[in-house]
Protein backbone atom coordinates (compact mmCIF):
# COMPACT_ATOMS: atom_id res chain seq x y z
CA MET A 1 -28.07 -11.75 4.60
CA ASN A 2 -31.43 -13.50 4.34
CA PRO A 3 -33.37 -13.84 1.04
CA ALA A 4 -35.82 -11.03 1.90
CA THR A 5 -32.97 -8.60 2.55
CA THR A 6 -31.15 -9.67 -0.62
CA GLU A 7 -34.29 -9.12 -2.67
CA PHE A 8 -34.87 -5.71 -1.09
CA LEU A 9 -31.36 -4.59 -1.98
CA ARG A 10 -31.51 -6.06 -5.46
CA GLN A 11 -34.75 -4.16 -6.15
CA ARG A 12 -33.21 -0.91 -4.92
CA PHE A 13 -30.10 -1.43 -7.05
CA THR A 14 -32.29 -2.31 -10.06
CA GLU A 15 -34.21 0.93 -9.61
CA TYR A 16 -30.96 2.92 -9.47
CA TYR A 17 -29.44 1.33 -12.59
CA LYS A 18 -32.62 1.81 -14.61
CA LYS A 19 -32.72 5.55 -13.96
CA SER A 20 -29.07 6.59 -13.66
CA VAL A 21 -26.56 7.70 -16.25
CA LEU A 22 -23.45 5.59 -15.72
CA VAL A 23 -19.92 6.73 -16.54
CA SER A 24 -17.63 4.24 -18.31
CA PRO A 25 -13.82 4.50 -18.27
CA PRO A 26 -11.81 5.46 -21.35
CA SER A 27 -10.62 2.59 -23.59
CA LEU A 28 -13.45 0.48 -22.17
CA GLU A 29 -12.87 -2.32 -24.70
CA GLN A 30 -9.30 -2.85 -23.39
CA ARG A 31 -10.39 -3.35 -19.78
CA GLU A 32 -11.07 -6.54 -17.91
CA TRP A 33 -14.29 -6.39 -15.92
CA GLY A 34 -15.39 -8.16 -12.76
CA PHE A 35 -18.74 -8.31 -10.99
CA VAL A 36 -20.09 -9.71 -7.74
CA LEU A 37 -23.77 -10.62 -8.04
CA PHE A 38 -26.37 -10.78 -5.30
CA ASN A 39 -26.38 -14.33 -3.96
CA PRO A 40 -29.09 -14.97 -1.34
CA GLY A 41 -27.94 -16.96 1.65
CA SER A 42 -24.29 -17.13 0.58
CA ALA A 43 -21.70 -16.23 3.21
CA GLU A 44 -18.94 -15.57 0.68
CA MET A 45 -18.63 -13.26 -2.30
CA ARG A 46 -17.80 -14.79 -5.65
CA MET A 47 -16.56 -12.59 -8.45
CA ARG A 48 -17.26 -13.10 -12.12
CA ARG A 49 -14.20 -11.75 -13.89
CA HIS A 50 -12.23 -12.07 -17.15
CA ILE A 51 -15.13 -10.31 -18.84
CA GLY A 52 -14.70 -7.92 -21.76
CA PHE A 53 -17.09 -5.58 -23.56
CA SER A 54 -16.96 -4.30 -27.12
CA GLY A 55 -18.53 -0.96 -26.22
CA ARG A 56 -20.47 1.16 -23.76
CA GLU A 57 -23.94 -0.09 -24.69
CA GLU A 58 -22.98 -3.72 -24.15
CA LEU A 59 -21.57 -2.85 -20.71
CA LEU A 60 -24.65 -0.89 -19.65
CA GLN A 61 -26.99 -3.61 -20.83
CA TYR A 62 -25.04 -6.18 -18.84
CA ILE A 63 -25.25 -4.11 -15.65
CA LYS A 64 -28.95 -3.35 -16.05
CA ASN A 65 -29.79 -7.00 -16.73
CA LEU A 66 -27.69 -8.65 -14.03
CA VAL A 67 -27.79 -5.84 -11.41
CA PRO A 68 -24.44 -6.54 -9.72
CA GLN A 69 -23.78 -5.92 -6.06
CA HIS A 70 -20.23 -4.74 -6.91
CA SER A 71 -18.79 -3.59 -10.26
CA TYR A 72 -15.07 -3.38 -11.09
CA TYR A 73 -12.82 -2.76 -14.07
CA SER A 74 -9.08 -3.21 -14.53
CA THR A 75 -6.70 -0.31 -14.17
CA ALA A 76 -4.70 -2.19 -16.82
CA TYR A 77 -5.17 -2.13 -20.59
CA TYR A 78 -5.09 -5.50 -22.38
CA GLU A 79 -5.01 -6.85 -25.92
CA LYS A 80 -7.47 -9.59 -24.90
CA PRO A 81 -9.14 -8.50 -21.65
CA ASP A 82 -11.57 -11.44 -21.64
CA ALA A 83 -8.83 -14.11 -21.85
CA GLY A 84 -9.13 -16.69 -19.08
CA THR A 85 -5.61 -16.24 -17.68
CA MET A 86 -3.50 -13.16 -16.98
CA ALA A 87 -0.70 -14.49 -19.20
CA GLU A 88 -3.01 -14.63 -22.22
CA LYS A 89 -4.41 -11.11 -21.83
CA GLY A 90 -1.42 -9.20 -23.24
CA TRP A 91 -0.71 -6.34 -20.83
CA CYS A 92 -0.43 -2.94 -22.57
CA GLY A 93 -0.01 -0.66 -19.58
CA ALA A 94 -2.04 0.54 -16.59
CA ASP A 95 -3.42 3.70 -15.06
CA LEU A 96 -1.68 4.95 -11.93
CA ILE A 97 -4.09 4.61 -8.99
CA PHE A 98 -3.87 5.69 -5.36
CA ASP A 99 -6.28 4.20 -2.85
CA LEU A 100 -6.94 5.79 0.54
CA ASP A 101 -8.97 3.62 2.88
CA ALA A 102 -10.01 4.63 6.39
CA ASP A 103 -9.30 1.10 7.64
CA HIS A 104 -5.61 1.65 6.93
CA ILE A 105 -5.54 5.11 8.51
CA VAL A 106 -7.82 5.10 11.54
CA ARG A 107 -9.94 2.41 13.16
CA GLY A 108 -12.49 2.22 15.90
CA GLN A 109 -14.08 5.61 15.24
CA PRO A 110 -17.66 6.35 14.11
CA TYR A 111 -18.15 6.01 10.37
CA ASP A 112 -18.61 9.71 9.68
CA GLN A 113 -15.41 10.57 11.58
CA MET A 114 -13.48 7.92 9.64
CA LEU A 115 -14.72 9.44 6.38
CA ALA A 116 -13.66 12.92 7.48
CA ARG A 117 -10.20 11.65 8.43
CA VAL A 118 -9.59 9.83 5.14
CA LYS A 119 -10.66 12.94 3.20
CA GLU A 120 -7.88 14.87 4.96
CA GLU A 121 -5.36 12.29 3.71
CA THR A 122 -6.79 12.52 0.20
CA GLU A 123 -6.36 16.29 0.11
CA LYS A 124 -2.82 15.90 1.47
CA LEU A 125 -1.95 13.42 -1.28
CA LEU A 126 -3.41 15.64 -4.00
CA ALA A 127 -1.23 18.52 -2.79
CA MET A 128 1.85 16.27 -3.01
CA LEU A 129 1.03 15.07 -6.52
CA ILE A 130 0.38 18.56 -7.86
CA ASP A 131 2.81 20.77 -5.91
CA GLU A 132 5.76 18.41 -5.47
CA MET A 133 5.58 16.04 -8.44
CA GLY A 134 4.26 18.48 -10.99
CA ILE A 135 1.35 16.30 -12.07
CA GLU A 136 -1.23 18.44 -13.82
CA SER A 137 -4.51 18.67 -11.94
CA LYS A 138 -6.47 18.13 -15.17
CA THR A 139 -5.02 14.59 -15.38
CA LEU A 140 -6.28 13.70 -11.88
CA GLU A 141 -9.69 12.24 -11.13
CA VAL A 142 -10.86 11.76 -7.55
CA VAL A 143 -13.53 9.18 -6.79
CA PHE A 144 -15.24 8.49 -3.48
CA SER A 145 -15.13 4.70 -3.25
CA GLY A 146 -18.67 4.42 -1.93
CA GLY A 147 -17.34 2.75 1.21
CA ARG A 148 -14.52 4.01 3.42
CA GLY A 149 -12.25 6.09 1.24
CA TYR A 150 -11.18 7.65 -2.04
CA HIS A 151 -9.40 6.65 -5.23
CA ILE A 152 -7.15 9.03 -7.14
CA HIS A 153 -6.80 8.12 -10.82
CA VAL A 154 -3.75 9.62 -12.57
CA LYS A 155 -4.65 9.60 -16.26
CA ASP A 156 -1.40 11.05 -17.60
CA ILE A 157 -0.28 8.62 -20.30
CA ALA A 158 3.34 9.11 -19.20
CA PHE A 159 2.72 6.78 -16.23
CA ARG A 160 0.90 4.07 -18.16
CA GLY A 161 3.97 1.98 -18.94
CA TRP A 162 5.42 2.12 -15.43
CA GLY A 163 6.05 -1.23 -13.78
CA SER A 164 5.65 -2.14 -10.12
CA SER A 165 9.15 -0.96 -9.14
CA GLU A 166 8.63 2.58 -10.49
CA ARG A 167 5.23 2.76 -8.83
CA ARG A 168 6.81 1.52 -5.60
CA GLU A 169 9.22 4.47 -5.58
CA LEU A 170 6.31 6.86 -5.98
CA ILE A 171 4.19 5.34 -3.21
CA ASP A 172 7.26 5.20 -0.92
CA TYR A 173 7.66 8.94 -1.42
CA VAL A 174 4.08 9.90 -0.59
CA CYS A 175 4.01 7.51 2.39
CA GLY A 176 7.37 8.71 3.74
CA ILE A 177 9.02 5.29 3.49
CA GLY A 178 12.82 5.00 3.41
CA ILE A 179 13.62 8.60 4.35
CA ASP A 180 17.35 9.22 4.90
CA PRO A 181 17.83 11.61 7.86
CA ALA A 182 21.28 12.70 6.61
CA ALA A 183 19.81 13.77 3.27
CA MET A 184 16.98 15.61 4.99
CA LEU A 185 19.31 17.68 7.18
CA SER A 186 21.79 18.71 4.51
CA GLY A 187 21.56 21.35 1.82
CA LYS A 188 19.99 24.78 1.65
CA ILE A 189 16.85 25.71 3.54
CA THR A 190 13.92 25.90 1.18
CA THR A 191 10.39 27.10 1.69
CA SER A 192 9.04 24.78 -0.99
CA SER A 193 7.07 21.74 0.10
CA GLY A 194 8.86 18.41 0.22
CA TRP A 195 10.33 15.94 2.68
CA PRO A 196 13.39 18.04 3.69
CA MET A 197 11.04 20.79 4.86
CA ARG A 198 8.71 18.28 6.56
CA PHE A 199 11.62 16.56 8.25
CA ARG A 200 13.09 19.76 9.68
CA LYS A 201 9.66 20.97 10.75
CA THR A 202 9.01 17.66 12.51
CA LEU A 203 12.38 17.75 14.27
CA LYS A 204 11.66 21.27 15.46
CA GLU A 205 8.22 20.17 16.71
CA TYR A 206 9.82 17.24 18.52
CA LEU A 207 12.39 19.48 20.23
CA ASP A 208 9.65 21.97 21.15
CA TRP A 209 7.64 19.08 22.61
CA LEU A 210 10.62 17.96 24.69
CA GLY A 211 10.80 21.51 26.05
CA THR A 212 7.22 21.30 27.33
CA LEU A 213 8.02 18.25 29.48
CA PRO A 214 9.28 18.48 33.05
CA GLU A 215 13.04 17.85 32.99
CA ALA A 216 12.70 14.50 34.73
CA ASP A 217 10.12 13.33 32.18
CA ALA A 218 12.26 14.52 29.26
CA LEU A 219 15.25 12.62 30.66
CA THR A 220 13.12 9.50 31.14
CA HIS A 221 11.89 9.75 27.55
CA LEU A 222 15.37 10.11 26.05
CA THR A 223 17.08 7.49 28.20
CA GLY A 224 14.30 5.10 27.26
CA LEU A 225 15.65 5.15 23.70
CA GLU A 226 18.24 2.52 22.91
CA GLY A 227 21.80 3.84 23.00
CA ILE A 228 21.10 7.08 24.90
CA GLY A 229 22.57 7.32 28.39
CA LYS A 230 21.67 9.72 31.18
CA GLU A 231 24.70 11.98 30.62
CA SER A 232 24.09 12.27 26.87
CA ALA A 233 20.42 13.02 27.47
CA ALA A 234 21.13 15.71 30.06
CA THR A 235 23.72 17.41 27.82
CA PHE A 236 21.34 17.31 24.88
CA LEU A 237 18.52 18.92 26.83
CA LYS A 238 20.83 21.78 27.87
CA LYS A 239 21.72 22.39 24.19
CA ARG A 240 18.16 21.93 22.89
CA GLY A 241 17.85 25.65 22.06
CA ASP A 242 21.10 25.58 20.05
CA PHE A 243 19.81 22.72 17.92
CA LEU A 244 16.59 24.62 17.26
CA VAL A 245 18.65 27.52 15.92
CA GLU A 246 20.68 25.13 13.75
CA ILE A 247 17.52 23.66 12.23
CA GLU A 248 16.04 27.09 11.56
CA ARG A 249 19.11 28.94 10.25
CA HIS A 250 22.06 26.72 9.44
CA PRO A 251 20.92 23.33 8.13
CA THR A 252 23.78 20.88 7.97
CA GLY A 253 24.29 17.17 8.04
CA MET A 254 26.73 17.76 10.90
CA ILE A 255 23.75 17.96 13.23
CA LEU A 256 23.39 14.19 12.87
CA LYS A 257 26.76 13.71 14.56
CA ASN A 258 24.90 14.33 17.79
CA ARG A 259 24.12 10.88 19.20
CA VAL A 260 20.68 11.81 20.48
CA ILE A 261 19.44 13.37 17.23
CA HIS A 262 20.91 10.49 15.23
CA THR A 263 19.08 7.98 17.41
CA VAL A 264 15.79 9.86 17.52
CA THR A 265 15.63 10.39 13.73
CA SER A 266 16.76 6.85 12.87
CA LEU A 267 14.23 4.94 14.97
CA GLN A 268 11.35 3.37 13.05
CA VAL A 269 8.96 3.88 15.98
CA GLY A 270 8.51 6.48 18.66
CA GLU A 271 7.43 10.08 19.13
CA PHE A 272 9.49 11.59 16.29
CA LYS A 273 8.54 8.90 13.76
CA THR A 274 4.85 9.21 14.64
CA ARG A 275 4.98 12.96 14.09
CA LEU A 276 6.87 12.56 10.80
CA LEU A 277 4.48 9.98 9.35
CA ALA A 278 1.55 12.22 10.26
CA LYS A 279 2.84 14.48 7.48
CA ALA A 280 2.81 11.64 4.93
CA ALA A 281 -0.19 10.71 2.80
CA LEU A 282 -1.26 7.28 4.02
CA ALA A 283 -2.20 5.64 0.73
CA ASP A 284 -2.60 1.86 0.37
CA GLU A 285 0.71 0.65 -1.06
CA PRO A 286 -0.42 -2.63 -2.77
CA VAL A 287 -3.04 -0.84 -4.87
CA THR A 288 -0.54 1.59 -6.39
CA THR A 289 2.13 -1.03 -7.10
CA ASP A 290 -0.31 -3.55 -8.63
CA THR A 291 -0.34 -3.09 -12.42
CA LYS A 292 -3.28 -5.48 -12.91
CA ARG A 293 -5.66 -4.22 -10.23
CA LEU A 294 -9.44 -4.14 -10.43
CA ILE A 295 -10.94 -0.86 -9.22
CA ARG A 296 -14.55 0.13 -8.53
CA MET A 297 -16.49 1.56 -11.43
CA PRO A 298 -17.36 5.24 -10.85
CA THR A 299 -21.15 5.89 -10.68
CA SER A 300 -21.82 2.23 -9.80
CA LEU A 301 -23.18 1.32 -6.37
CA HIS A 302 -20.98 -0.04 -3.60
CA GLY A 303 -22.52 -3.31 -2.44
CA GLY A 304 -21.18 -2.83 1.07
CA SER A 305 -22.92 0.48 1.66
CA GLY A 306 -25.48 1.12 -1.09
CA MET A 307 -23.82 4.48 -1.77
CA ARG A 308 -22.63 5.70 -5.16
CA VAL A 309 -19.00 5.42 -6.21
CA GLN A 310 -18.92 9.17 -6.76
CA PRO A 311 -16.54 10.98 -9.18
CA LEU A 312 -15.54 14.43 -7.93
CA GLU A 313 -14.08 17.61 -9.34
CA LEU A 314 -10.97 18.61 -7.41
CA ARG A 315 -12.58 21.93 -6.48
CA ASP A 316 -15.54 20.12 -4.89
CA ILE A 317 -13.66 17.80 -2.53
CA ASN A 318 -13.57 20.14 0.46
CA ASP A 319 -17.37 20.55 0.54
CA PHE A 320 -18.16 16.93 -0.39
CA ASP A 321 -20.12 15.03 2.27
CA PRO A 322 -20.38 11.32 1.36
CA LEU A 323 -23.29 10.74 3.73
CA VAL A 324 -25.33 13.28 1.76
CA ASP A 325 -23.79 13.64 -1.69
CA ALA A 326 -23.16 9.92 -2.40
CA VAL A 327 -26.53 8.75 -1.03
CA VAL A 328 -28.91 7.87 -3.86
CA PHE A 329 -31.93 6.54 -1.98
CA GLY A 330 -34.57 8.60 -0.24
CA GLU A 331 -36.63 8.84 2.94
CA ARG A 332 -39.42 6.36 2.27
CA GLU A 333 -39.92 4.45 5.53
CA VAL A 334 -38.63 0.87 5.73
CA LYS A 335 -38.90 -1.52 8.68
CA VAL A 336 -35.66 -3.29 9.62
CA ASP A 337 -34.45 -5.61 12.37
CA LEU A 338 -31.23 -4.15 13.77
CA ARG A 339 -28.55 -6.46 15.15
CA ILE A 340 -27.09 -3.76 17.45
CA SER A 341 -27.92 -0.30 18.77
CA LEU A 342 -26.08 2.46 16.93
CA THR A 343 -26.00 6.11 15.90
CA MET A 344 -26.25 6.64 12.14
CA PRO A 345 -25.68 10.04 10.45
CA MET A 346 -27.12 10.26 6.94
CA LEU A 347 -28.92 12.75 4.69
CA GLY A 348 -28.08 15.58 7.08
CA SER A 349 -29.75 13.94 10.09
CA THR A 350 -28.50 11.72 12.90
CA TYR A 351 -30.53 8.64 13.79
CA GLU A 352 -30.30 7.11 17.26
CA LEU A 353 -31.29 3.50 16.57
CA GLN A 354 -32.02 0.76 19.09
CA LYS A 355 -31.45 -2.96 18.60
CA GLY A 356 -34.51 -4.78 17.31
CA ILE A 357 -37.27 -3.85 14.91
CA THR A 358 -37.46 -0.18 13.97
CA THR A 359 -38.47 2.06 11.07
CA VAL A 360 -35.82 4.06 9.19
CA PRO A 361 -35.55 6.00 5.92
CA GLU A 362 -34.88 3.81 2.88
CA ALA A 363 -31.36 5.24 2.46
CA VAL A 364 -30.47 4.20 6.01
CA ALA A 365 -32.11 0.79 5.55
CA VAL A 366 -30.06 0.12 2.42
CA PHE A 367 -26.83 1.11 4.17
CA LEU A 368 -27.53 -1.01 7.26
CA CYS A 369 -28.54 -4.05 5.22
CA CYS A 370 -25.52 -3.76 2.93
CA ARG A 371 -23.25 -3.56 5.96
CA GLY A 372 -24.83 -6.62 7.54
CA LEU A 373 -26.10 -4.60 10.50
CA ALA A 374 -29.77 -5.23 9.83
CA GLU A 375 -32.24 -7.44 7.95
CA ILE A 376 -35.54 -6.46 6.43
CA ALA A 377 -38.15 -7.03 9.14
């Protein structure tokens, strides 16, 4: 990023912070804060951290004076948040946070499609937290990260003292890690949501899928799995309908005594596992298990996109469009020098942009410059 581009972005961020009402987290004085400042010509980001504030006004004045490119606060609560080492801070607990990032879920797609995909995972995770874990919706806050995903803040004080191991169990559940097939296929059939229902549904889908294949292809698929011979595969395919009835009507762990089903459901890769994990919520595991994490400050600007880190009401998520609702800059024309040709949806329009010097709305210019795709011409 050249000095002219850095100055352009810093001016835009300054304008935003002067006019906007910022939201600070609860117990602000117990949080550690970290900021990345605009640094013209620097190829690496350097964070100023181990910062504490005595109150909201001090925080807001700091942001308005220094105009950070990125703003973060700790999910943890500390006795001395501004202490220079983690050992000196005095950990008092931490909020439970889930992070869903499109980079961990889907790659290589256009930005707007990635955002749509990660929103699906966010809604899936919210349903798990509320319907299966009994977490009250009023204790949940959803925040669009301003970049490629969403954060879910669980503000129920009951989770605050949880360590990494307890948080690991929770994230394993939502991500479908460590599922025991025998446990999933035993017990009464239930219509309530949960992994036993997902597991049986996935196994039924898998068996239905096998039935759509030509017999030779189905045999090739099954015999390609380690430990399944041609005779076992052929016998299994003949009894496929019986197993479907068992799954639907008479769930029992005995079904796992079948070598093919045992193999298929135990493999960590393959068609069945892919279908099963599609029913998980693909949250970022390290974020949830880290009890001393820094998270983006809601209502601040994301320095990698220029969009707002947008808090959302749960009822508004379905209709939320980040490329409209989290965009804070307007349509004043700005001339930029694009590094590549690309298609950019924003503010309800789609811009077909060619490499080289071109004129775009200010909101698009900010996004492209923040992403390193363009410089101010």
